[in-house]
Amino acid sequence: DAFRDSEIQPGESVQSDEEIDAFVR
């Protein structure tokens, strides 16, 4: 908590299986 700020990558919008699969590839 004292260190973590916003997520750069993958990005908080990457949530569904399809979004994760596309990010990973």
mmCIF file of all heavy atoms, coordinates in Angstrom:
data_MODEL
# 
_entry.id   MODEL 
# 
loop_
_atom_site.group_PDB 
_atom_site.id 
_atom_site.type_symbol 
_atom_site.label_atom_id 
_atom_site.label_alt_id 
_atom_site.label_comp_id 
_atom_site.label_asym_id 
_atom_site.label_entity_id 
_atom_site.label_seq_id 
_atom_site.pdbx_PDB_ins_code 
_atom_site.Cartn_x 
_atom_site.Cartn_y 
_atom_site.Cartn_z 
_atom_site.occupancy 
_atom_site.B_iso_or_equiv 
_atom_site.pdbx_formal_charge 
_atom_site.auth_seq_id 
_atom_site.auth_comp_id 
_atom_site.auth_asym_id 
_atom_site.auth_atom_id 
_atom_site.pdbx_PDB_model_num 
ATOM 1   N N   . ASP A 1 1  ? 0.813   -1.226  0.000   1.00 0.00 ? 1  ASP A N   1 
ATOM 2   C CA  . ASP A 1 1  ? 0.000   0.000   0.000   1.00 0.00 ? 1  ASP A CA  1 
ATOM 3   C C   . ASP A 1 1  ? 0.844   1.273   0.000   1.00 0.00 ? 1  ASP A C   1 
ATOM 4   O O   . ASP A 1 1  ? 0.487   2.269   -0.632  1.00 0.00 ? 1  ASP A O   1 
ATOM 5   C CB  . ASP A 1 1  ? -0.936  0.023   1.215   1.00 0.00 ? 1  ASP A CB  1 
ATOM 6   C CG  . ASP A 1 1  ? -2.118  -0.924  1.053   1.00 0.00 ? 1  ASP A CG  1 
ATOM 7   O OD1 . ASP A 1 1  ? -2.301  -1.453  -0.060  1.00 0.00 ? 1  ASP A OD1 1 
ATOM 8   O OD2 . ASP A 1 1  ? -2.850  -1.139  2.050   1.00 0.00 ? 1  ASP A OD2 1 
ATOM 9   N N   . ALA A 1 2  ? 1.955   1.248   0.733   1.00 0.00 ? 2  ALA A N   1 
ATOM 10  C CA  . ALA A 1 2  ? 2.783   2.457   0.831   1.00 0.00 ? 2  ALA A CA  1 
ATOM 11  C C   . ALA A 1 2  ? 3.535   2.755   -0.461  1.00 0.00 ? 2  ALA A C   1 
ATOM 12  O O   . ALA A 1 2  ? 4.071   3.856   -0.626  1.00 0.00 ? 2  ALA A O   1 
ATOM 13  C CB  . ALA A 1 2  ? 3.774   2.303   1.983   1.00 0.00 ? 2  ALA A CB  1 
ATOM 14  N N   . PHE A 1 3  ? 3.573   1.785   -1.376  1.00 0.00 ? 3  PHE A N   1 
ATOM 15  C CA  . PHE A 1 3  ? 4.372   1.933   -2.595  1.00 0.00 ? 3  PHE A CA  1 
ATOM 16  C C   . PHE A 1 3  ? 3.532   1.895   -3.872  1.00 0.00 ? 3  PHE A C   1 
ATOM 17  O O   . PHE A 1 3  ? 3.832   2.589   -4.831  1.00 0.00 ? 3  PHE A O   1 
ATOM 18  C CB  . PHE A 1 3  ? 5.421   0.820   -2.668  1.00 0.00 ? 3  PHE A CB  1 
ATOM 19  C CG  . PHE A 1 3  ? 6.177   0.621   -1.384  1.00 0.00 ? 3  PHE A CG  1 
ATOM 20  C CD1 . PHE A 1 3  ? 5.955   -0.496  -0.585  1.00 0.00 ? 3  PHE A CD1 1 
ATOM 21  C CD2 . PHE A 1 3  ? 7.101   1.561   -0.959  1.00 0.00 ? 3  PHE A CD2 1 
ATOM 22  C CE1 . PHE A 1 3  ? 6.641   -0.676  0.596   1.00 0.00 ? 3  PHE A CE1 1 
ATOM 23  C CE2 . PHE A 1 3  ? 7.796   1.395   0.228   1.00 0.00 ? 3  PHE A CE2 1 
ATOM 24  C CZ  . PHE A 1 3  ? 7.565   0.267   1.015   1.00 0.00 ? 3  PHE A CZ  1 
ATOM 25  N N   . ARG A 1 4  ? 2.485   1.094   -3.869  1.00 0.00 ? 4  ARG A N   1 
ATOM 26  C CA  . ARG A 1 4  ? 1.718   0.847   -5.092  1.00 0.00 ? 4  ARG A CA  1 
ATOM 27  C C   . ARG A 1 4  ? 0.882   2.044   -5.489  1.00 0.00 ? 4  ARG A C   1 
ATOM 28  O O   . ARG A 1 4  ? 0.105   2.577   -4.718  1.00 0.00 ? 4  ARG A O   1 
ATOM 29  C CB  . ARG A 1 4  ? 0.797   -0.360  -4.880  1.00 0.00 ? 4  ARG A CB  1 
ATOM 30  C CG  . ARG A 1 4  ? -0.072  -0.729  -6.071  1.00 0.00 ? 4  ARG A CG  1 
ATOM 31  C CD  . ARG A 1 4  ? -1.154  -1.717  -5.669  1.00 0.00 ? 4  ARG A CD  1 
ATOM 32  N NE  . ARG A 1 4  ? -2.061  -1.152  -4.673  1.00 0.00 ? 4  ARG A NE  1 
ATOM 33  C CZ  . ARG A 1 4  ? -2.064  -1.484  -3.380  1.00 0.00 ? 4  ARG A CZ  1 
ATOM 34  N NH1 . ARG A 1 4  ? -1.227  -2.370  -2.890  1.00 0.00 ? 4  ARG A NH1 1 
ATOM 35  N NH2 . ARG A 1 4  ? -2.935  -0.914  -2.554  1.00 0.00 ? 4  ARG A NH2 1 
ATOM 36  N N   . ASP A 1 5  ? 1.059   2.485   -6.729  1.00 0.00 ? 5  ASP A N   1 
ATOM 37  C CA  . ASP A 1 5  ? 0.200   3.514   -7.308  1.00 0.00 ? 5  ASP A CA  1 
ATOM 38  C C   . ASP A 1 5  ? -0.553  2.857   -8.468  1.00 0.00 ? 5  ASP A C   1 
ATOM 39  O O   . ASP A 1 5  ? -0.809  1.653   -8.427  1.00 0.00 ? 5  ASP A O   1 
ATOM 40  C CB  . ASP A 1 5  ? 1.044   4.708   -7.759  1.00 0.00 ? 5  ASP A CB  1 
ATOM 41  C CG  . ASP A 1 5  ? 0.245   6.014   -7.775  1.00 0.00 ? 5  ASP A CG  1 
ATOM 42  O OD1 . ASP A 1 5  ? -0.980  5.951   -7.962  1.00 0.00 ? 5  ASP A OD1 1 
ATOM 43  O OD2 . ASP A 1 5  ? 0.854   7.087   -7.628  1.00 0.00 ? 5  ASP A OD2 1 
ATOM 44  N N   . SER A 1 6  ? -0.876  3.573   -9.495  1.00 0.00 ? 6  SER A N   1 
ATOM 45  C CA  . SER A 1 6  ? -1.708  3.036   -10.575 1.00 0.00 ? 6  SER A CA  1 
ATOM 46  C C   . SER A 1 6  ? -0.960  1.988   -11.400 1.00 0.00 ? 6  SER A C   1 
ATOM 47  O O   . SER A 1 6  ? 0.272   1.987   -11.478 1.00 0.00 ? 6  SER A O   1 
ATOM 48  C CB  . SER A 1 6  ? -2.191  4.166   -11.477 1.00 0.00 ? 6  SER A CB  1 
ATOM 49  O OG  . SER A 1 6  ? -1.089  4.857   -12.047 1.00 0.00 ? 6  SER A OG  1 
ATOM 50  N N   . GLU A 1 7  ? -1.713  1.110   -12.012 1.00 0.00 ? 7  GLU A N   1 
ATOM 51  C CA  . GLU A 1 7  ? -1.176  0.044   -12.838 1.00 0.00 ? 7  GLU A CA  1 
ATOM 52  C C   . GLU A 1 7  ? -0.876  0.572   -14.242 1.00 0.00 ? 7  GLU A C   1 
ATOM 53  O O   . GLU A 1 7  ? -1.744  1.106   -14.916 1.00 0.00 ? 7  GLU A O   1 
ATOM 54  C CB  . GLU A 1 7  ? -2.197  -1.098  -12.908 1.00 0.00 ? 7  GLU A CB  1 
ATOM 55  C CG  . GLU A 1 7  ? -1.744  -2.305  -13.699 1.00 0.00 ? 7  GLU A CG  1 
ATOM 56  C CD  . GLU A 1 7  ? -2.807  -3.404  -13.729 1.00 0.00 ? 7  GLU A CD  1 
ATOM 57  O OE1 . GLU A 1 7  ? -3.329  -3.773  -12.649 1.00 0.00 ? 7  GLU A OE1 1 
ATOM 58  O OE2 . GLU A 1 7  ? -3.121  -3.875  -14.840 1.00 0.00 ? 7  GLU A OE2 1 
ATOM 59  N N   . ILE A 1 8  ? 0.370   0.405   -14.664 1.00 0.00 ? 8  ILE A N   1 
ATOM 60  C CA  . ILE A 1 8  ? 0.785   0.852   -15.993 1.00 0.00 ? 8  ILE A CA  1 
ATOM 61  C C   . ILE A 1 8  ? 0.481   -0.224  -17.034 1.00 0.00 ? 8  ILE A C   1 
ATOM 62  O O   . ILE A 1 8  ? -0.115  0.027   -18.076 1.00 0.00 ? 8  ILE A O   1 
ATOM 63  C CB  . ILE A 1 8  ? 2.285   1.184   -16.020 1.00 0.00 ? 8  ILE A CB  1 
ATOM 64  C CG1 . ILE A 1 8  ? 2.641   2.216   -14.948 1.00 0.00 ? 8  ILE A CG1 1 
ATOM 65  C CG2 . ILE A 1 8  ? 2.717   1.662   -17.396 1.00 0.00 ? 8  ILE A CG2 1 
ATOM 66  C CD1 . ILE A 1 8  ? 4.136   2.389   -14.750 1.00 0.00 ? 8  ILE A CD1 1 
ATOM 67  N N   . GLN A 1 9  ? 0.897   -1.431  -16.741 1.00 0.00 ? 9  GLN A N   1 
ATOM 68  C CA  . GLN A 1 9  ? 0.755   -2.552  -17.665 1.00 0.00 ? 9  GLN A CA  1 
ATOM 69  C C   . GLN A 1 9  ? 0.395   -3.801  -16.884 1.00 0.00 ? 9  GLN A C   1 
ATOM 70  O O   . GLN A 1 9  ? 1.025   -4.049  -15.851 1.00 0.00 ? 9  GLN A O   1 
ATOM 71  C CB  . GLN A 1 9  ? 2.072   -2.782  -18.437 1.00 0.00 ? 9  GLN A CB  1 
ATOM 72  C CG  . GLN A 1 9  ? 2.013   -3.924  -19.438 1.00 0.00 ? 9  GLN A CG  1 
ATOM 73  C CD  . GLN A 1 9  ? 3.279   -4.080  -20.254 1.00 0.00 ? 9  GLN A CD  1 
ATOM 74  O OE1 . GLN A 1 9  ? 3.579   -3.292  -21.119 1.00 0.00 ? 9  GLN A OE1 1 
ATOM 75  N NE2 . GLN A 1 9  ? 4.030   -5.139  -19.956 1.00 0.00 ? 9  GLN A NE2 1 
ATOM 76  N N   . PRO A 1 10 ? -0.649  -4.542  -17.276 1.00 0.00 ? 10 PRO A N   1 
ATOM 77  C CA  . PRO A 1 10 ? -1.459  -4.438  -18.488 1.00 0.00 ? 10 PRO A CA  1 
ATOM 78  C C   . PRO A 1 10 ? -2.385  -3.219  -18.542 1.00 0.00 ? 10 PRO A C   1 
ATOM 79  O O   . PRO A 1 10 ? -2.825  -2.812  -19.613 1.00 0.00 ? 10 PRO A O   1 
ATOM 80  C CB  . PRO A 1 10 ? -2.290  -5.717  -18.472 1.00 0.00 ? 10 PRO A CB  1 
ATOM 81  C CG  . PRO A 1 10 ? -1.652  -6.620  -17.487 1.00 0.00 ? 10 PRO A CG  1 
ATOM 82  C CD  . PRO A 1 10 ? -0.978  -5.740  -16.496 1.00 0.00 ? 10 PRO A CD  1 
ATOM 83  N N   . GLY A 1 11 ? -2.703  -2.658  -17.379 1.00 0.00 ? 11 GLY A N   1 
ATOM 84  C CA  . GLY A 1 11 ? -3.684  -1.585  -17.311 1.00 0.00 ? 11 GLY A CA  1 
ATOM 85  C C   . GLY A 1 11 ? -4.962  -2.105  -16.687 1.00 0.00 ? 11 GLY A C   1 
ATOM 86  O O   . GLY A 1 11 ? -5.397  -3.230  -16.959 1.00 0.00 ? 11 GLY A O   1 
ATOM 87  N N   . GLU A 1 12 ? -5.556  -1.297  -15.833 1.00 0.00 ? 12 GLU A N   1 
ATOM 88  C CA  . GLU A 1 12 ? -6.714  -1.761  -15.057 1.00 0.00 ? 12 GLU A CA  1 
ATOM 89  C C   . GLU A 1 12 ? -7.916  -2.121  -15.916 1.00 0.00 ? 12 GLU A C   1 
ATOM 90  O O   . GLU A 1 12 ? -8.810  -2.844  -15.477 1.00 0.00 ? 12 GLU A O   1 
ATOM 91  C CB  . GLU A 1 12 ? -7.089  -0.682  -14.036 1.00 0.00 ? 12 GLU A CB  1 
ATOM 92  C CG  . GLU A 1 12 ? -5.996  -0.461  -12.982 1.00 0.00 ? 12 GLU A CG  1 
ATOM 93  C CD  . GLU A 1 12 ? -6.232  0.753   -12.119 1.00 0.00 ? 12 GLU A CD  1 
ATOM 94  O OE1 . GLU A 1 12 ? -7.266  1.421   -12.326 1.00 0.00 ? 12 GLU A OE1 1 
ATOM 95  O OE2 . GLU A 1 12 ? -5.387  1.040   -11.250 1.00 0.00 ? 12 GLU A OE2 1 
ATOM 96  N N   . SER A 1 13 ? -7.954  -1.654  -17.162 1.00 0.00 ? 13 SER A N   1 
ATOM 97  C CA  . SER A 1 13 ? -9.086  -1.966  -18.033 1.00 0.00 ? 13 SER A CA  1 
ATOM 98  C C   . SER A 1 13 ? -9.020  -3.380  -18.604 1.00 0.00 ? 13 SER A C   1 
ATOM 99  O O   . SER A 1 13 ? -10.006 -3.879  -19.146 1.00 0.00 ? 13 SER A O   1 
ATOM 100 C CB  . SER A 1 13 ? -9.149  -0.961  -19.189 1.00 0.00 ? 13 SER A CB  1 
ATOM 101 O OG  . SER A 1 13 ? -7.978  -1.063  -19.995 1.00 0.00 ? 13 SER A OG  1 
ATOM 102 N N   . VAL A 1 14 ? -7.861  -4.031  -18.479 1.00 0.00 ? 14 VAL A N   1 
ATOM 103 C CA  . VAL A 1 14 ? -7.699  -5.392  -19.008 1.00 0.00 ? 14 VAL A CA  1 
ATOM 104 C C   . VAL A 1 14 ? -8.215  -6.374  -17.962 1.00 0.00 ? 14 VAL A C   1 
ATOM 105 O O   . VAL A 1 14 ? -7.541  -6.647  -16.966 1.00 0.00 ? 14 VAL A O   1 
ATOM 106 C CB  . VAL A 1 14 ? -6.227  -5.669  -19.355 1.00 0.00 ? 14 VAL A CB  1 
ATOM 107 C CG1 . VAL A 1 14 ? -6.038  -7.107  -19.842 1.00 0.00 ? 14 VAL A CG1 1 
ATOM 108 C CG2 . VAL A 1 14 ? -5.738  -4.689  -20.399 1.00 0.00 ? 14 VAL A CG2 1 
ATOM 109 N N   . GLN A 1 15 ? -9.417  -6.906  -18.184 1.00 0.00 ? 15 GLN A N   1 
ATOM 110 C CA  . GLN A 1 15 ? -10.070 -7.726  -17.168 1.00 0.00 ? 15 GLN A CA  1 
ATOM 111 C C   . GLN A 1 15 ? -10.602 -9.054  -17.705 1.00 0.00 ? 15 GLN A C   1 
ATOM 112 O O   . GLN A 1 15 ? -10.426 -10.093 -17.070 1.00 0.00 ? 15 GLN A O   1 
ATOM 113 C CB  . GLN A 1 15 ? -11.236 -6.949  -16.534 1.00 0.00 ? 15 GLN A CB  1 
ATOM 114 C CG  . GLN A 1 15 ? -10.809 -5.703  -15.767 1.00 0.00 ? 15 GLN A CG  1 
ATOM 115 C CD  . GLN A 1 15 ? -10.073 -6.018  -14.481 1.00 0.00 ? 15 GLN A CD  1 
ATOM 116 O OE1 . GLN A 1 15 ? -10.204 -7.109  -13.924 1.00 0.00 ? 15 GLN A OE1 1 
ATOM 117 N NE2 . GLN A 1 15 ? -9.278  -5.061  -13.991 1.00 0.00 ? 15 GLN A NE2 1 
ATOM 118 N N   . SER A 1 16 ? -11.260 -9.056  -18.829 1.00 0.00 ? 16 SER A N   1 
ATOM 119 C CA  . SER A 1 16 ? -11.904 -10.274 -19.331 1.00 0.00 ? 16 SER A CA  1 
ATOM 120 C C   . SER A 1 16 ? -10.865 -11.244 -19.885 1.00 0.00 ? 16 SER A C   1 
ATOM 121 O O   . SER A 1 16 ? -9.709  -10.879 -20.144 1.00 0.00 ? 16 SER A O   1 
ATOM 122 C CB  . SER A 1 16 ? -12.899 -9.931  -20.437 1.00 0.00 ? 16 SER A CB  1 
ATOM 123 O OG  . SER A 1 16 ? -12.220 -9.472  -21.604 1.00 0.00 ? 16 SER A OG  1 
ATOM 124 N N   . ASP A 1 17 ? -11.290 -12.506 -20.076 1.00 0.00 ? 17 ASP A N   1 
ATOM 125 C CA  . ASP A 1 17 ? -10.393 -13.495 -20.681 1.00 0.00 ? 17 ASP A CA  1 
ATOM 126 C C   . ASP A 1 17 ? -9.872  -13.007 -22.023 1.00 0.00 ? 17 ASP A C   1 
ATOM 127 O O   . ASP A 1 17 ? -8.674  -13.127 -22.322 1.00 0.00 ? 17 ASP A O   1 
ATOM 128 C CB  . ASP A 1 17 ? -11.125 -14.827 -20.876 1.00 0.00 ? 17 ASP A CB  1 
ATOM 129 C CG  . ASP A 1 17 ? -11.333 -15.586 -19.572 1.00 0.00 ? 17 ASP A CG  1 
ATOM 130 O OD1 . ASP A 1 17 ? -10.787 -15.150 -18.531 1.00 0.00 ? 17 ASP A OD1 1 
ATOM 131 O OD2 . ASP A 1 17 ? -12.032 -16.617 -19.604 1.00 0.00 ? 17 ASP A OD2 1 
ATOM 132 N N   . GLU A 1 18 ? -10.756 -12.464 -22.828 1.00 0.00 ? 18 GLU A N   1 
ATOM 133 C CA  . GLU A 1 18 ? -10.367 -12.014 -24.168 1.00 0.00 ? 18 GLU A CA  1 
ATOM 134 C C   . GLU A 1 18 ? -9.371  -10.858 -24.100 1.00 0.00 ? 18 GLU A C   1 
ATOM 135 O O   . GLU A 1 18 ? -8.392  -10.812 -24.874 1.00 0.00 ? 18 GLU A O   1 
ATOM 136 C CB  . GLU A 1 18 ? -11.607 -11.593 -24.957 1.00 0.00 ? 18 GLU A CB  1 
ATOM 137 C CG  . GLU A 1 18 ? -12.582 -12.719 -25.286 1.00 0.00 ? 18 GLU A CG  1 
ATOM 138 C CD  . GLU A 1 18 ? -13.414 -13.175 -24.093 1.00 0.00 ? 18 GLU A CD  1 
ATOM 139 O OE1 . GLU A 1 18 ? -13.484 -12.414 -23.091 1.00 0.00 ? 18 GLU A OE1 1 
ATOM 140 O OE2 . GLU A 1 18 ? -13.981 -14.285 -24.147 1.00 0.00 ? 18 GLU A OE2 1 
ATOM 141 N N   . GLU A 1 19 ? -9.590  -9.934  -23.176 1.00 0.00 ? 19 GLU A N   1 
ATOM 142 C CA  . GLU A 1 19 ? -8.669  -8.803  -23.021 1.00 0.00 ? 19 GLU A CA  1 
ATOM 143 C C   . GLU A 1 19 ? -7.309  -9.263  -22.517 1.00 0.00 ? 19 GLU A C   1 
ATOM 144 O O   . GLU A 1 19 ? -6.265  -8.779  -22.978 1.00 0.00 ? 19 GLU A O   1 
ATOM 145 C CB  . GLU A 1 19 ? -9.277  -7.767  -22.074 1.00 0.00 ? 19 GLU A CB  1 
ATOM 146 C CG  . GLU A 1 19 ? -10.477 -7.031  -22.658 1.00 0.00 ? 19 GLU A CG  1 
ATOM 147 C CD  . GLU A 1 19 ? -11.261 -6.264  -21.614 1.00 0.00 ? 19 GLU A CD  1 
ATOM 148 O OE1 . GLU A 1 19 ? -11.113 -6.562  -20.404 1.00 0.00 ? 19 GLU A OE1 1 
ATOM 149 O OE2 . GLU A 1 19 ? -12.039 -5.377  -22.015 1.00 0.00 ? 19 GLU A OE2 1 
ATOM 150 N N   . ILE A 1 20 ? -7.316  -10.201 -21.571 1.00 0.00 ? 20 ILE A N   1 
ATOM 151 C CA  . ILE A 1 20 ? -6.054  -10.728 -21.055 1.00 0.00 ? 20 ILE A CA  1 
ATOM 152 C C   . ILE A 1 20 ? -5.315  -11.487 -22.144 1.00 0.00 ? 20 ILE A C   1 
ATOM 153 O O   . ILE A 1 20 ? -4.097  -11.329 -22.315 1.00 0.00 ? 20 ILE A O   1 
ATOM 154 C CB  . ILE A 1 20 ? -6.309  -11.624 -19.826 1.00 0.00 ? 20 ILE A CB  1 
ATOM 155 C CG1 . ILE A 1 20 ? -6.799  -10.774 -18.651 1.00 0.00 ? 20 ILE A CG1 1 
ATOM 156 C CG2 . ILE A 1 20 ? -5.037  -12.384 -19.444 1.00 0.00 ? 20 ILE A CG2 1 
ATOM 157 C CD1 . ILE A 1 20 ? -7.237  -11.583 -17.450 1.00 0.00 ? 20 ILE A CD1 1 
ATOM 158 N N   . ASP A 1 21 ? -6.031  -12.317 -22.901 1.00 0.00 ? 21 ASP A N   1 
ATOM 159 C CA  . ASP A 1 21 ? -5.385  -13.085 -23.977 1.00 0.00 ? 21 ASP A CA  1 
ATOM 160 C C   . ASP A 1 21 ? -4.722  -12.164 -24.985 1.00 0.00 ? 21 ASP A C   1 
ATOM 161 O O   . ASP A 1 21 ? -3.589  -12.406 -25.427 1.00 0.00 ? 21 ASP A O   1 
ATOM 162 C CB  . ASP A 1 21 ? -6.415  -13.973 -24.691 1.00 0.00 ? 21 ASP A CB  1 
ATOM 163 C CG  . ASP A 1 21 ? -6.966  -15.074 -23.796 1.00 0.00 ? 21 ASP A CG  1 
ATOM 164 O OD1 . ASP A 1 21 ? -6.390  -15.310 -22.716 1.00 0.00 ? 21 ASP A OD1 1 
ATOM 165 O OD2 . ASP A 1 21 ? -7.973  -15.690 -24.190 1.00 0.00 ? 21 ASP A OD2 1 
ATOM 166 N N   . ALA A 1 22 ? -5.419  -11.090 -25.355 1.00 0.00 ? 22 ALA A N   1 
ATOM 167 C CA  . ALA A 1 22 ? -4.860  -10.144 -26.332 1.00 0.00 ? 22 ALA A CA  1 
ATOM 168 C C   . ALA A 1 22 ? -3.632  -9.446  -25.763 1.00 0.00 ? 22 ALA A C   1 
ATOM 169 O O   . ALA A 1 22 ? -2.621  -9.263  -26.468 1.00 0.00 ? 22 ALA A O   1 
ATOM 170 C CB  . ALA A 1 22 ? -5.923  -9.125  -26.727 1.00 0.00 ? 22 ALA A CB  1 
ATOM 171 N N   . PHE A 1 23 ? -3.705  -9.048  -24.487 1.00 0.00 ? 23 PHE A N   1 
ATOM 172 C CA  . PHE A 1 23 ? -2.543  -8.403  -23.858 1.00 0.00 ? 23 PHE A CA  1 
ATOM 173 C C   . PHE A 1 23 ? -1.356  -9.351  -23.830 1.00 0.00 ? 23 PHE A C   1 
ATOM 174 O O   . PHE A 1 23 ? -0.227  -8.981  -24.190 1.00 0.00 ? 23 PHE A O   1 
ATOM 175 C CB  . PHE A 1 23 ? -2.874  -7.955  -22.437 1.00 0.00 ? 23 PHE A CB  1 
ATOM 176 C CG  . PHE A 1 23 ? -1.643  -7.717  -21.607 1.00 0.00 ? 23 PHE A CG  1 
ATOM 177 C CD1 . PHE A 1 23 ? -0.857  -6.600  -21.810 1.00 0.00 ? 23 PHE A CD1 1 
ATOM 178 C CD2 . PHE A 1 23 ? -1.243  -8.650  -20.651 1.00 0.00 ? 23 PHE A CD2 1 
ATOM 179 C CE1 . PHE A 1 23 ? 0.307   -6.405  -21.071 1.00 0.00 ? 23 PHE A CE1 1 
ATOM 180 C CE2 . PHE A 1 23 ? -0.083  -8.458  -19.907 1.00 0.00 ? 23 PHE A CE2 1 
ATOM 181 C CZ  . PHE A 1 23 ? 0.692   -7.325  -20.121 1.00 0.00 ? 23 PHE A CZ  1 
ATOM 182 N N   . VAL A 1 24 ? -1.577  -10.597 -23.391 1.00 0.00 ? 24 VAL A N   1 
ATOM 183 C CA  . VAL A 1 24 ? -0.484  -11.557 -23.261 1.00 0.00 ? 24 VAL A CA  1 
ATOM 184 C C   . VAL A 1 24 ? 0.181   -11.792 -24.612 1.00 0.00 ? 24 VAL A C   1 
ATOM 185 O O   . VAL A 1 24 ? 1.421   -11.766 -24.727 1.00 0.00 ? 24 VAL A O   1 
ATOM 186 C CB  . VAL A 1 24 ? -1.000  -12.879 -22.653 1.00 0.00 ? 24 VAL A CB  1 
ATOM 187 C CG1 . VAL A 1 24 ? 0.060   -13.977 -22.773 1.00 0.00 ? 24 VAL A CG1 1 
ATOM 188 C CG2 . VAL A 1 24 ? -1.379  -12.683 -21.189 1.00 0.00 ? 24 VAL A CG2 1 
ATOM 189 N N   . ARG A 1 25 ? -0.598  -12.002 -25.636 1.00 0.00 ? 25 ARG A N   1 
ATOM 190 C CA  . ARG A 1 25 ? -0.014  -12.269 -26.958 1.00 0.00 ? 25 ARG A CA  1 
ATOM 191 C C   . ARG A 1 25 ? 0.793   -11.077 -27.468 1.00 0.00 ? 25 ARG A C   1 
ATOM 192 O O   . ARG A 1 25 ? 1.776   -11.246 -28.197 1.00 0.00 ? 25 ARG A O   1 
ATOM 193 C CB  . ARG A 1 25 ? -1.115  -12.634 -27.960 1.00 0.00 ? 25 ARG A CB  1 
ATOM 194 C CG  . ARG A 1 25 ? -1.675  -14.026 -27.747 1.00 0.00 ? 25 ARG A CG  1 
ATOM 195 C CD  . ARG A 1 25 ? -2.549  -14.502 -28.890 1.00 0.00 ? 25 ARG A CD  1 
ATOM 196 N NE  . ARG A 1 25 ? -3.006  -15.871 -28.668 1.00 0.00 ? 25 ARG A NE  1 
ATOM 197 C CZ  . ARG A 1 25 ? -2.299  -16.952 -28.968 1.00 0.00 ? 25 ARG A CZ  1 
ATOM 198 N NH1 . ARG A 1 25 ? -1.099  -16.824 -29.521 1.00 0.00 ? 25 ARG A NH1 1 
ATOM 199 N NH2 . ARG A 1 25 ? -2.779  -18.157 -28.737 1.00 0.00 ? 25 ARG A NH2 1 
# 
